[in-house]
Protein backbone atom coordinates (compact mmCIF):
# COMPACT_ATOMS: atom_id res chain seq x y z
CA MET A 1 126.01 118.91 194.59
CA TYR A 2 126.00 118.16 190.87
CA HIS A 3 122.92 118.62 188.71
CA PHE A 4 122.81 116.95 185.31
CA ASN A 5 120.31 117.68 182.58
CA LEU A 6 119.36 114.01 182.06
CA ARG A 7 117.27 114.68 178.96
CA ARG A 8 120.18 116.31 177.21
CA LEU A 9 122.59 113.72 178.60
CA PHE A 10 120.73 110.82 177.01
CA ALA A 11 120.17 112.76 173.77
CA ALA A 12 123.91 113.37 173.57
CA MET A 13 124.61 109.71 174.33
CA VAL A 14 122.63 108.81 171.22
CA GLY A 15 124.71 111.28 169.22
CA LEU A 16 127.98 109.88 170.55
CA LEU A 17 127.00 106.31 169.63
CA SER A 18 125.08 106.83 166.39
CA SER A 19 128.02 107.58 164.11
CA VAL A 20 128.60 103.84 163.79
CA VAL A 21 125.46 103.78 161.63
CA TRP A 22 125.19 107.17 160.00
CA GLY A 23 128.70 108.56 159.53
CA GLN A 24 129.26 112.25 158.82
CA PRO A 25 126.58 114.15 156.88
CA SER A 26 127.22 115.26 153.28
CA PRO A 27 125.14 116.64 150.39
CA THR A 28 123.00 114.10 148.58
CA PRO A 29 124.13 113.68 144.96
CA VAL A 30 121.89 114.01 141.92
CA ILE A 31 118.96 111.59 141.87
CA GLN A 32 118.16 110.04 138.52
CA ALA A 33 115.25 107.88 137.41
CA ALA A 34 115.49 104.54 135.61
CA GLU A 35 112.99 101.90 134.62
CA ARG A 36 114.07 98.33 135.37
CA ALA A 37 117.61 96.96 135.89
CA ASN A 38 118.64 93.30 135.77
CA SER A 39 122.34 93.96 136.41
CA PHE A 40 124.78 96.80 137.05
CA SER A 41 127.81 98.23 135.30
CA VAL A 42 130.07 100.38 137.49
CA VAL A 43 132.35 102.71 135.55
CA LEU A 44 135.41 104.46 136.97
CA ASP A 45 134.87 107.93 135.54
CA ALA A 46 138.03 109.47 134.07
CA GLY A 47 137.12 112.75 135.73
CA THR A 48 137.62 111.25 139.21
CA VAL A 49 140.09 108.42 138.56
CA SER A 50 143.43 109.00 136.85
CA LYS A 51 145.10 105.62 137.30
CA PRO A 52 144.11 101.93 137.52
CA PHE A 53 142.10 101.03 140.62
CA THR A 54 142.55 98.00 142.86
CA GLY A 55 140.12 97.42 145.68
CA ARG A 56 136.49 96.69 146.50
CA VAL A 57 133.55 98.11 144.56
CA TYR A 58 129.96 98.10 145.81
CA VAL A 59 126.43 98.52 144.54
CA VAL A 60 124.13 99.64 147.36
CA LEU A 61 120.34 99.21 147.16
CA LEU A 62 118.15 101.02 149.67
CA GLN A 63 114.39 101.13 150.14
CA ASP A 64 114.05 104.39 152.06
CA SER A 65 114.79 108.04 151.29
CA ALA A 66 118.38 108.22 152.57
CA GLU A 67 121.50 108.25 150.42
CA PRO A 68 122.39 104.54 150.02
CA ARG A 69 126.13 104.78 150.82
CA ARG A 70 125.26 106.31 154.18
CA ARG A 71 123.51 103.11 155.23
CA MET A 72 126.15 100.58 154.15
CA GLY A 73 127.32 99.80 157.67
CA ASP A 74 123.89 99.87 159.29
CA TRP A 75 124.04 97.04 161.84
CA PHE A 76 120.28 96.94 162.42
CA GLY A 77 118.81 98.02 159.07
CA HIS A 78 120.46 95.39 156.83
CA THR A 79 120.90 97.57 153.74
CA GLN A 80 121.27 95.42 150.61
CA VAL A 81 124.88 95.48 149.42
CA LEU A 82 126.55 93.77 146.45
CA ALA A 83 130.38 93.79 146.26
CA GLN A 84 133.29 92.75 144.07
CA ASP A 85 137.06 92.91 144.43
CA VAL A 86 138.86 94.22 141.35
CA LYS A 87 142.50 94.66 140.36
CA ASP A 88 144.14 97.22 138.07
CA VAL A 89 140.89 98.43 136.51
CA ALA A 90 141.60 101.37 134.22
CA PRO A 91 139.49 104.56 134.09
CA GLU A 92 136.40 104.30 131.85
CA THR A 93 136.45 100.52 132.23
CA ALA A 94 133.13 98.94 133.21
CA ILE A 95 132.90 96.57 136.18
CA SER A 96 130.00 94.20 135.56
CA PHE A 97 127.68 93.10 138.37
CA VAL A 98 125.75 90.31 136.64
CA ASP A 99 125.98 88.25 139.81
CA THR A 100 128.28 88.22 142.82
CA GLU A 101 128.95 85.92 145.76
CA LEU A 102 129.48 88.95 148.00
CA ALA A 103 125.90 89.96 148.76
CA PHE A 104 124.06 90.80 152.01
CA PRO A 105 121.46 90.32 153.39
CA LYS A 106 120.02 88.61 150.31
CA THR A 107 121.75 86.99 147.37
CA PHE A 108 121.96 88.82 144.05
CA ALA A 109 118.86 87.04 142.73
CA GLY A 110 117.10 87.19 146.11
CA ALA A 111 117.29 90.99 146.14
CA MET A 112 115.32 91.31 142.90
CA ASN A 113 111.74 92.43 142.29
CA LYS A 114 111.87 95.54 144.46
CA GLU A 115 112.26 99.26 143.84
CA TYR A 116 115.41 100.81 145.28
CA ARG A 117 117.52 103.90 145.46
CA ILE A 118 120.73 102.58 143.86
CA GLN A 119 124.29 103.88 144.22
CA ALA A 120 127.80 102.60 143.45
CA VAL A 121 130.79 103.04 145.77
CA ALA A 122 134.53 102.33 145.55
CA LYS A 123 136.67 102.26 148.69
CA VAL A 124 139.89 104.22 148.18
CA ASN A 125 140.94 105.60 151.57
CA PRO A 126 143.22 103.15 153.46
CA ASP A 127 142.65 104.89 156.80
CA SER A 128 138.85 104.83 156.77
CA PRO A 129 137.18 101.60 157.90
CA ARG A 130 133.82 102.55 156.40
CA PRO A 131 133.36 102.31 152.59
CA GLY A 132 131.98 105.43 150.97
CA ASP A 133 132.73 107.60 153.99
CA GLY A 134 136.50 108.14 153.83
CA GLU A 135 138.06 111.13 152.13
CA GLY A 136 138.72 110.21 148.50
CA ASP A 137 136.27 107.29 148.36
CA LEU A 138 134.31 107.30 145.10
CA TYR A 139 130.55 107.22 144.60
CA SER A 140 127.93 107.65 141.90
CA ASP A 141 124.72 109.62 141.62
CA VAL A 142 121.65 107.91 143.03
CA VAL A 143 119.32 106.13 140.63
CA VAL A 144 115.74 105.21 141.54
CA GLY A 145 114.57 102.08 139.78
CA THR A 146 113.35 98.50 140.03
CA PHE A 147 115.82 95.61 140.23
CA ALA A 148 114.20 92.82 138.21
CA ALA A 149 115.20 89.95 135.91
CA ASP A 150 113.28 91.40 132.96
CA GLY A 151 115.22 94.69 133.03
CA LYS A 152 118.41 95.78 131.27
CA PRO A 153 121.92 96.64 132.55
CA LEU A 154 122.12 99.88 134.54
CA GLU A 155 125.31 101.97 134.30
CA LEU A 156 126.52 103.67 137.49
CA ARG A 157 129.42 106.09 136.98
CA LEU A 158 131.74 106.92 139.89
CA THR A 159 131.77 110.68 139.28
CA HIS A 160 132.13 111.90 142.87
CA ALA A 161 134.91 111.69 145.47
CA VAL A 162 134.28 112.19 149.18
CA ALA A 163 135.60 115.62 150.11
CA PRO A 164 137.51 116.40 153.30
CA SER A 165 135.09 116.94 156.15
CA ALA A 166 135.71 120.29 157.82
CA PHE A 167 136.01 120.54 161.61
CA GLN A 168 134.10 123.70 162.47
CA GLU A 169 135.84 125.03 165.54
CA THR A 170 133.88 127.04 168.09
CA GLU A 171 134.93 129.27 170.95
CA ARG A 172 135.31 126.20 173.15
CA VAL A 173 135.79 123.22 170.80
CA LYS A 174 139.19 123.14 169.06
CA LEU A 175 140.89 120.78 166.62
CA PHE A 176 144.34 119.41 167.46
CA GLU A 177 146.30 117.41 164.92
CA MET A 178 149.87 116.24 164.58
CA GLU A 179 151.90 113.83 162.51
CA SER A 180 152.70 110.75 164.59
CA PRO A 181 156.34 109.63 164.23
CA SER A 182 155.63 106.08 165.42
CA LEU A 183 152.51 105.47 163.32
CA SER A 184 154.08 107.12 160.27
CA ALA A 185 157.02 104.73 160.60
CA PHE A 186 154.66 101.75 160.92
CA TYR A 187 152.56 102.66 157.87
CA GLY A 188 155.51 103.85 155.81
CA ARG A 189 153.84 107.19 155.04
CA PRO A 190 152.86 110.34 156.94
CA PHE A 191 150.03 109.61 159.37
CA LYS A 192 148.15 112.26 161.33
CA MET A 193 146.52 111.84 164.73
CA ARG A 194 143.64 114.13 165.67
CA ALA A 195 141.73 115.14 168.77
CA GLY A 196 138.81 117.38 169.61
CA VAL A 197 139.58 119.58 172.62
CA VAL A 198 136.81 121.11 174.72
CA LEU A 199 138.12 124.12 176.63
CA PRO A 200 136.74 125.15 180.01
CA LYS A 201 134.52 128.20 180.07
CA ASN A 202 136.56 131.36 180.64
CA TYR A 203 139.66 129.41 179.61
CA ASP A 204 142.89 131.04 180.82
CA PRO A 205 145.85 130.05 178.58
CA LYS A 206 148.25 130.83 181.42
CA ALA A 207 146.63 128.41 183.90
CA HIS A 208 147.04 124.61 184.11
CA TYR A 209 143.96 122.40 184.03
CA PRO A 210 143.15 118.79 184.84
CA ALA A 211 142.36 116.77 181.72
CA ALA A 212 139.76 114.07 181.11
CA TYR A 213 140.24 111.95 177.97
CA PHE A 214 137.08 110.51 176.42
CA ILE A 215 137.48 107.44 174.18
CA THR A 216 134.52 107.08 171.82
CA GLY A 217 132.75 103.88 170.84
CA PHE A 218 133.06 102.07 167.52
CA GLY A 219 132.43 104.51 164.67
CA GLY A 220 133.09 107.59 166.80
CA SER A 221 135.90 110.08 166.24
CA HIS A 222 137.39 113.31 167.54
CA ARG A 223 134.20 115.00 166.32
CA SER A 224 132.42 113.50 169.33
CA ALA A 225 133.87 116.47 171.23
CA PHE A 226 130.82 118.46 170.04
CA GLY A 227 128.55 115.84 171.64
CA LEU A 228 130.44 116.12 174.94
CA VAL A 229 129.68 119.83 175.13
CA GLN A 230 125.97 119.02 174.94
CA MET A 231 126.17 116.04 177.28
CA LEU A 232 128.04 117.85 180.02
CA ASP A 233 126.59 121.34 179.66
CA ASN A 234 125.31 121.37 183.24
CA SER A 235 128.43 120.09 184.98
CA PRO A 236 130.35 122.76 186.90
CA VAL A 237 133.58 120.74 186.79
CA ALA A 238 133.43 120.51 183.00
CA GLU A 239 133.82 124.28 183.09
CA ARG A 240 137.13 123.87 184.92
CA CYS A 241 138.56 120.82 183.14
CA LEU A 242 139.96 120.09 179.68
CA LEU A 243 137.90 117.44 177.88
CA ILE A 244 139.92 115.75 175.15
CA VAL A 245 138.57 113.32 172.52
CA PRO A 246 141.33 111.58 170.55
CA ASP A 247 140.30 109.95 167.27
CA PRO A 248 140.74 106.15 167.59
CA THR A 249 139.94 105.44 163.92
CA CYS A 250 142.23 103.33 161.79
CA GLY A 251 141.74 101.51 158.51
CA LEU A 252 140.88 98.25 160.25
CA GLY A 253 138.33 99.73 162.65
CA HIS A 254 138.79 101.06 166.19
CA SER A 255 142.42 101.08 167.32
CA VAL A 256 141.42 101.07 171.03
CA PHE A 257 144.80 102.77 171.54
CA ALA A 258 146.55 99.46 172.07
CA ASP A 259 149.84 98.58 170.41
CA SER A 260 149.10 95.79 167.95
CA ALA A 261 150.79 93.80 165.20
CA ASN A 262 148.21 94.87 162.62
CA ASN A 263 147.30 98.46 163.50
CA GLY A 264 150.67 99.59 164.81
CA PRO A 265 151.79 101.32 168.04
CA TRP A 266 148.61 103.23 168.84
CA GLY A 267 149.17 103.05 172.59
CA LYS A 268 152.64 104.52 172.26
CA ALA A 269 151.43 107.17 169.81
CA LEU A 270 148.71 108.33 172.22
CA THR A 271 150.66 108.25 175.46
CA ALA A 272 154.11 109.35 174.30
CA GLU A 273 153.20 111.66 171.43
CA LEU A 274 149.64 112.98 171.34
CA ILE A 275 148.99 113.52 175.06
CA PRO A 276 152.22 115.45 175.75
CA ALA A 277 151.70 117.63 172.67
CA ILE A 278 148.06 118.44 173.50
CA GLU A 279 148.78 119.22 177.12
CA GLN A 280 151.67 121.46 176.21
CA GLN A 281 149.51 123.49 173.83
CA PHE A 282 146.39 123.73 176.01
CA HIS A 283 148.08 123.74 179.45
CA GLY A 284 146.93 120.38 180.75
CA PRO A 285 148.56 118.43 183.59
CA GLY A 286 151.89 118.50 181.79
CA PRO A 287 154.99 116.35 182.36
CA GLU A 288 154.76 113.50 184.82
CA SER A 289 157.38 114.95 187.12
CA PRO A 290 156.62 117.39 188.39
CA ARG A 291 152.98 118.05 187.57
CA PRO A 292 151.48 121.40 188.53
CA ALA A 293 149.97 121.02 191.99
CA GLY A 294 146.52 119.47 191.96
CA SER A 295 146.48 119.00 188.20
CA LYS A 296 145.63 115.43 187.18
CA ARG A 297 144.73 113.29 184.19
CA TYR A 298 141.72 110.97 183.82
CA VAL A 299 140.25 108.67 181.18
CA PHE A 300 136.71 107.49 180.44
CA GLY A 301 134.95 105.85 177.52
CA ILE A 302 131.96 103.96 176.16
CA SER A 303 131.72 100.55 174.43
CA SER A 304 134.93 99.99 172.41
CA GLY A 305 136.07 103.18 174.12
CA GLY A 306 135.06 101.63 177.45
CA TRP A 307 137.46 98.76 176.75
CA SER A 308 140.10 101.19 175.51
CA SER A 309 139.89 103.48 178.54
CA LEU A 310 140.21 100.51 180.91
CA TRP A 311 143.13 99.16 178.87
CA LEU A 312 144.90 102.54 179.02
CA GLN A 313 144.51 102.76 182.80
CA VAL A 314 145.81 99.21 183.30
CA ALA A 315 148.58 99.32 180.68
CA TYR A 316 149.76 102.80 181.74
CA PRO A 317 148.84 102.84 185.44
CA ASP A 318 150.99 105.85 186.34
CA LEU A 319 149.79 108.02 183.47
CA PHE A 320 146.13 108.28 184.51
CA ASP A 321 144.68 109.12 187.93
CA GLY A 322 141.29 107.52 187.45
CA LEU A 323 139.19 105.48 185.02
CA TRP A 324 135.43 105.39 184.36
CA SER A 325 134.59 102.67 181.83
CA HIS A 326 131.00 102.48 180.53
CA CYS A 327 129.66 99.24 178.98
CA PRO A 328 133.08 98.09 177.76
CA ASP A 329 133.66 95.57 174.99
CA PRO A 330 134.61 92.12 176.38
CA VAL A 331 137.02 92.57 179.30
CA ASP A 332 137.17 88.82 180.02
CA PHE A 333 137.49 86.47 177.06
CA ARG A 334 135.70 83.70 178.97
CA ASP A 335 132.56 85.65 178.10
CA PHE A 336 133.11 87.21 174.71
CA GLN A 337 129.50 88.26 174.19
CA GLN A 338 128.39 84.93 175.73
CA ILE A 339 131.21 82.87 174.15
CA ASP A 340 134.08 81.33 176.15
CA LEU A 341 136.92 81.67 173.67
CA TYR A 342 139.12 79.36 175.75
CA SER A 343 136.66 76.48 175.96
CA LYS A 344 137.02 73.30 173.93
CA ASP A 345 134.94 73.37 170.74
CA ALA A 346 134.12 77.09 171.16
CA ASN A 347 131.95 78.40 168.34
CA MET A 348 130.96 81.96 167.46
CA TYR A 349 127.68 81.03 165.78
CA LYS A 350 126.17 78.33 168.00
CA ASP A 351 126.07 77.55 171.71
CA ALA A 352 126.81 74.16 173.30
CA LYS A 353 123.28 73.00 172.48
CA GLY A 354 123.64 73.93 168.83
CA GLU A 355 121.34 76.93 169.18
CA ARG A 356 122.05 80.02 167.10
CA LEU A 357 123.86 82.76 169.06
CA PRO A 358 122.53 86.32 169.15
CA LEU A 359 124.90 89.30 169.02
CA ALA A 360 122.43 92.04 169.97
CA ARG A 361 119.00 92.39 171.55
CA ASN A 362 116.33 95.02 172.00
CA ASN A 363 113.57 94.73 174.60
CA GLY A 364 114.34 91.05 174.98
CA ASN A 365 114.16 90.32 171.26
CA VAL A 366 117.14 89.35 169.11
CA SER A 367 118.07 92.22 166.77
CA ILE A 368 121.32 90.78 165.32
CA TRP A 369 122.53 87.19 164.99
CA TYR A 370 126.27 86.54 165.13
CA ASP A 371 126.41 84.62 161.84
CA ASP A 372 124.45 87.31 159.99
CA PHE A 373 126.70 90.02 161.39
CA CYS A 374 129.80 88.21 160.15
CA ARG A 375 128.23 87.68 156.71
CA GLN A 376 127.59 91.40 156.51
CA GLU A 377 131.19 92.19 157.50
CA ARG A 378 132.49 89.77 154.87
CA VAL A 379 130.66 91.76 152.17
CA LEU A 380 131.69 95.17 153.50
CA GLY A 381 135.33 94.10 153.95
CA PRO A 382 137.92 94.84 156.69
CA GLY A 383 137.00 97.57 159.16
CA GLY A 384 133.90 96.12 160.82
CA GLN A 385 133.57 95.45 164.54
CA ILE A 386 134.54 91.75 164.56
CA HIS A 387 137.42 92.31 162.18
CA SER A 388 138.44 95.24 164.36
CA PHE A 389 138.82 92.88 167.34
CA GLU A 390 141.04 90.61 165.24
CA ALA A 391 143.09 93.57 164.02
CA VAL A 392 143.94 94.52 167.61
CA PHE A 393 144.22 91.13 169.30
CA SER A 394 145.49 88.74 166.59
CA PRO A 395 149.00 88.07 165.28
CA ARG A 396 149.76 89.24 161.75
CA GLU A 397 150.02 86.54 159.08
CA GLU A 398 150.60 87.14 155.38
CA GLY A 399 149.95 90.83 155.90
CA LYS A 400 146.57 90.31 157.59
CA PRO A 401 145.17 89.65 161.09
CA ARG A 402 144.93 85.95 161.84
CA PRO A 403 141.20 85.06 162.02
CA MET A 404 139.86 84.09 165.43
CA PHE A 405 137.33 81.71 163.90
CA ASP A 406 136.31 80.01 160.67
CA ARG A 407 133.81 82.31 158.95
CA ALA A 408 131.95 79.38 157.37
CA THR A 409 131.52 77.21 160.48
CA GLY A 410 132.07 79.64 163.36
CA ASN A 411 134.64 77.30 164.94
CA VAL A 412 137.15 79.15 167.14
CA ASP A 413 140.85 78.52 166.48
CA PRO A 414 142.42 77.56 169.86
CA ALA A 415 145.86 78.82 168.80
CA THR A 416 144.46 82.26 167.98
CA ALA A 417 142.49 82.33 171.23
CA LYS A 418 145.76 81.63 173.05
CA ALA A 419 147.44 84.45 171.15
CA TRP A 420 144.70 86.84 172.33
CA GLU A 421 145.56 86.32 176.02
CA PRO A 422 147.76 89.44 176.36
CA PHE A 423 144.67 91.56 175.57
CA ASP A 424 142.36 89.77 178.01
CA ILE A 425 142.13 92.54 180.62
CA ARG A 426 141.00 90.20 183.40
CA LEU A 427 143.93 87.90 182.69
CA LYS A 428 146.37 90.81 182.47
CA LEU A 429 145.23 92.09 185.86
CA GLU A 430 145.56 88.67 187.48
CA ARG A 431 149.02 88.03 186.03
CA GLU A 432 150.40 91.48 186.89
CA TRP A 433 148.49 92.18 190.10
CA PRO A 434 151.53 92.30 192.44
CA THR A 435 152.86 95.18 190.35
CA LEU A 436 149.52 96.83 189.57
CA LYS A 437 147.76 96.60 192.94
CA ASP A 438 149.08 99.80 194.50
CA LYS A 439 149.22 101.71 191.23
CA LEU A 440 145.53 101.09 190.53
CA ALA A 441 144.24 101.67 194.06
CA GLY A 442 141.18 103.92 193.99
CA LYS A 443 141.28 104.33 190.22
CA LEU A 444 138.99 101.71 188.67
CA HIS A 445 135.29 102.43 188.08
CA ILE A 446 133.48 100.13 185.64
CA TYR A 447 129.80 100.10 184.69
CA ALA A 448 127.70 97.70 182.61
CA GLY A 449 124.00 97.57 181.85
CA GLN A 450 122.07 94.59 183.19
CA ILE A 451 120.46 94.23 179.76
CA ASP A 452 123.38 95.43 177.64
CA THR A 453 122.34 95.54 173.97
CA PHE A 454 125.42 93.56 172.96
CA PHE A 455 125.55 91.09 175.90
CA LEU A 456 128.63 92.75 177.42
CA GLU A 457 127.52 92.54 181.06
CA GLY A 458 128.65 88.91 181.45
CA ALA A 459 132.34 89.72 181.01
CA VAL A 460 132.04 92.63 183.45
CA ARG A 461 130.54 90.28 186.05
CA LEU A 462 133.48 87.90 185.64
CA LEU A 463 135.93 90.79 185.96
CA LYS A 464 134.18 91.95 189.12
CA GLU A 465 134.55 88.48 190.65
CA SER A 466 138.23 88.36 189.71
CA LEU A 467 138.99 91.81 191.11
CA SER A 468 137.18 90.94 194.33
CA LYS A 469 139.32 87.81 194.77
CA LEU A 470 142.44 89.88 194.14
CA GLY A 471 141.42 92.24 196.94
CA SER A 472 141.01 95.24 194.62
CA ASP A 473 139.04 98.28 195.71
CA ALA A 474 137.69 98.67 192.16
CA ARG A 475 134.09 99.79 191.89
CA VAL A 476 132.33 97.55 189.38
CA GLU A 477 128.57 98.02 188.97
CA ILE A 478 125.89 96.25 186.93
CA ILE A 479 123.13 98.84 186.48
CA ASP A 480 119.59 97.47 186.64
CA ALA A 481 117.51 97.75 183.45
CA MET A 482 120.25 99.67 181.63
CA PRO A 483 121.06 98.73 178.01
CA HIS A 484 124.21 99.85 176.16
CA GLY A 485 125.08 103.43 177.06
CA ILE A 486 126.79 105.92 179.33
CA TYR A 487 125.80 105.66 182.99
CA PRO A 488 124.91 109.14 184.30
CA GLY A 489 125.85 108.16 187.85
CA GLY A 490 129.34 107.32 186.63
CA ILE A 491 129.73 110.71 184.96
CA LYS A 492 128.57 112.39 188.16
CA ALA A 493 131.04 110.38 190.27
CA MET A 494 133.88 111.17 187.88
CA PHE A 495 133.39 114.91 188.07
CA GLU A 496 132.99 114.84 191.83
CA ARG A 497 136.35 113.09 191.99
CA ILE A 498 137.98 115.60 189.64
CA ASP A 499 136.56 118.44 191.73
CA GLN A 500 138.00 117.00 194.95
CA GLU A 501 141.44 116.29 193.52
CA ASN A 502 141.93 119.57 191.66
CA PRO A 503 140.96 122.39 194.04
CA GLN A 504 143.13 124.90 192.18
CA ALA A 505 140.72 124.65 189.21
CA HIS A 506 137.98 126.48 191.17
């Protein structure tokens, strides 16, 4: 019998999902006071920049007490952001923000006549999707002042660079990192993969252990390993199983560990490079043939990680012995958050009746509209959730992912939708079922909330219907009254299965 501390489980769920909004903590810079500003001048300080800069520069305006750059990607808070793209700007050169087309949620003029905490940011790190959060990104001190037409220009100097964020290992949580040959070749420079490894209690380095790989949601990383310790503190099997959290982060968002034209061979890097290296060091299941008796490998995930974990089980059916996918991103592109991407005249912003499409809800009320979300991503630049989908699923054209839809009108491009078919998990299962049927028997467990925050339950329903017609024994459940999150019953079922299949771990 398994007993889970549900209070701590749900608290940890919040921690595992919240990094999409808050990022990693860091000291707040100096806060300065100003009177009134009618425009902004961002200066690349010679103390932090030694060569000309090309990229996107931001001015962030926030009306609460947080550090502004920490709220830039806030999906629900709609932090005011102004942005400009610059090329070959030398140190000590001023970048003038008198007006800019790149502004969200209000226009440059529309944001005036309010008091803000104001901060400038420059995105430098090519491997971080979130501006102002990646190692080496530049930022200014915070200035408190009023943005108003009767003010004067305010200078914001980029005097700080984001420092490396330390991974504080504990007795049970360890950092694993390695240079990936395949991703380094794709990017043309050394590229490291990382994972957080949670050791069983009373870990014996001479024994072999089953391994469960957790794929985090959008914005999560290998640091979510610390959240897993809290979430699963009351599970006896977690004390006899390696829990491994690989970092899915890439410069264009969440890699979902799928090989793609834009992100590179992330599936290959995980399955052929990272997993063997981790399991060799920490005595996991080990080589496929032979594995130590009773030692198996599993995968589970949430949200984008829910999609990723399902993809990994289906794309590498012999590598994993079971899958538990929680509230996955769209697994059937006939319901891509309520949009049938294959339908004639498909549109991301409006339904067939011309009504505006919501992207997220809370207690029955719309909390994000699709068109607003895409406007916000346009200002922030590549690395957001929608662009992340395109980075994985789309062909590469002129060095960039081909857009799925017109950002001005919302109209879906049928040719791009066709090109996405290889990543439609429902379609992949149907097309390859004769080969996959026996390999996936007893392995698939998929959960969605009946009131999923991001309308992801519809695609799971379609997948359930398809799997039923195929004669699959997959367990697909829509959980009553559950929003977007990890289903405790699924965690319980997963560990019961691991316990049964790995008796030597007792």
